[in-house]
């Protein structure tokens, strides 16, 4: 049996198929990476919501914790729109009781 001759057309067709498979592979890999990033952001957001809910709950129950949390928020919140969510912090600024950082 003799060796079979492979034509340039067959080589070009095989390369085209390989390039298509590589493009599909790269697309799937990119989709997977984007999904992982999205999942990480979702978990991070959920953690922040739960931590915030716990802090607000503790602030209602414990006056010392509330003062500590409001002092921290006073330093942490720099934008007026964010301060407005916590009337106690906004009121401190309006009354001139805001401490210097």
Protein backbone atom coordinates (compact mmCIF):
# COMPACT_ATOMS: atom_id res chain seq x y z
CA UNK A 1 0.00 0.00 0.00
CA UNK A 2 1.24 3.39 -0.93
CA UNK A 3 1.06 6.61 1.02
CA UNK A 4 -1.99 8.72 0.38
CA UNK A 5 -1.32 12.21 -0.96
CA UNK A 6 -2.89 15.02 1.10
CA UNK A 7 -3.90 17.99 -0.99
CA UNK A 8 -3.53 21.67 -0.16
CA UNK A 9 -7.34 21.91 -0.14
CA UNK A 10 -7.56 19.22 2.55
CA UNK A 11 -4.95 21.01 4.64
CA UNK A 12 -6.81 24.33 4.26
CA UNK A 13 -10.11 22.64 5.20
CA UNK A 14 -8.54 21.05 8.28
CA UNK A 15 -7.01 24.39 9.32
CA UNK A 16 -10.37 26.13 8.89
CA UNK A 17 -12.07 23.50 11.06
CA UNK A 18 -9.34 23.79 13.70
CA UNK A 19 -9.64 27.61 13.71
CA UNK A 20 -13.42 27.34 14.16
CA UNK A 21 -12.99 24.93 17.08
CA UNK A 22 -10.40 27.23 18.64
CA UNK A 23 -12.77 30.20 18.30
CA UNK A 24 -15.57 28.21 19.97
CA UNK A 25 -13.17 27.18 22.76
CA UNK A 26 -12.07 30.77 23.36
CA UNK A 27 -15.67 32.00 23.37
CA UNK A 28 -16.73 29.35 25.90
CA UNK A 29 -13.72 30.17 28.08
CA UNK A 30 -14.60 33.89 28.00
CA UNK A 31 -18.23 33.14 28.85
CA UNK A 32 -17.14 30.99 31.77
CA UNK A 33 -14.85 33.74 33.06
CA UNK A 34 -17.63 36.34 32.76
CA UNK A 35 -20.04 34.06 34.59
CA UNK A 36 -17.53 33.54 37.41
CA UNK A 37 -17.07 37.33 37.73
CA UNK A 38 -20.84 37.81 37.79
CA UNK A 39 -21.25 35.15 40.48
CA UNK A 40 -18.50 36.73 42.58
CA UNK A 41 -20.21 40.15 42.35
CA UNK A 42 -23.55 38.60 43.30
CA UNK A 43 -22.05 36.91 46.37
CA UNK A 44 -20.25 40.12 47.35
CA UNK A 45 -23.49 42.11 47.06
CA UNK A 46 -25.39 39.54 49.11
CA UNK A 47 -22.70 39.65 51.83
CA UNK A 48 -22.96 43.45 52.00
CA UNK A 49 -26.75 43.31 52.26
CA UNK A 50 -26.66 40.71 55.03
CA UNK A 51 -23.91 42.53 56.97
CA UNK A 52 -25.82 45.80 56.63
CA UNK A 53 -29.05 44.17 57.81
CA UNK A 54 -27.25 42.80 60.85
CA UNK A 55 -25.70 46.20 61.65
CA UNK A 56 -29.07 47.95 61.38
CA UNK A 57 -30.67 45.30 63.60
CA UNK A 58 -27.95 45.69 66.24
CA UNK A 59 -28.27 49.49 66.05
CA UNK A 60 -31.95 49.18 66.99
CA UNK A 61 -31.19 46.91 69.96
CA UNK A 62 -27.99 48.36 71.36
CA UNK A 63 -27.49 52.08 71.96
CA UNK A 64 -23.72 51.78 72.44
CA UNK A 65 -23.38 49.88 69.17
CA UNK A 66 -25.58 52.47 67.45
CA UNK A 67 -23.32 55.32 68.59
CA UNK A 68 -20.23 53.39 67.51
CA UNK A 69 -21.77 52.58 64.10
CA UNK A 70 -22.94 56.17 63.53
CA UNK A 71 -19.49 57.50 64.44
CA UNK A 72 -17.98 55.12 61.91
CA UNK A 73 -20.53 56.04 59.26
CA UNK A 74 -19.89 59.70 59.93
CA UNK A 75 -16.26 59.20 58.90
CA UNK A 76 -16.97 56.69 56.12
CA UNK A 77 -19.79 58.45 54.25
CA UNK A 78 -18.47 61.38 52.27
CA UNK A 79 -21.23 61.99 49.71
CA UNK A 80 -24.35 63.87 50.76
CA UNK A 81 -26.60 61.42 48.92
CA UNK A 82 -25.15 58.59 51.05
CA UNK A 83 -25.37 60.58 54.29
CA UNK A 84 -29.04 61.29 53.58
CA UNK A 85 -29.80 57.58 54.01
CA UNK A 86 -28.77 57.93 57.66
CA UNK A 87 -30.66 60.93 59.08
CA UNK A 88 -28.68 60.77 62.33
CA UNK A 89 -25.41 61.33 60.45
CA UNK A 90 -26.92 64.08 58.28
CA UNK A 91 -28.35 65.78 61.40
CA UNK A 92 -24.94 65.77 63.10
CA UNK A 93 -23.43 67.62 60.16
CA UNK A 94 -26.25 70.15 60.07
CA UNK A 95 -25.93 70.78 63.81
CA UNK A 96 -22.19 71.34 63.50
CA UNK A 97 -21.39 68.28 65.58
CA UNK A 98 -19.43 66.61 62.80
CA UNK A 99 -15.93 65.79 63.93
CA UNK A 100 -12.93 66.56 61.79
CA UNK A 101 -11.36 63.50 60.16
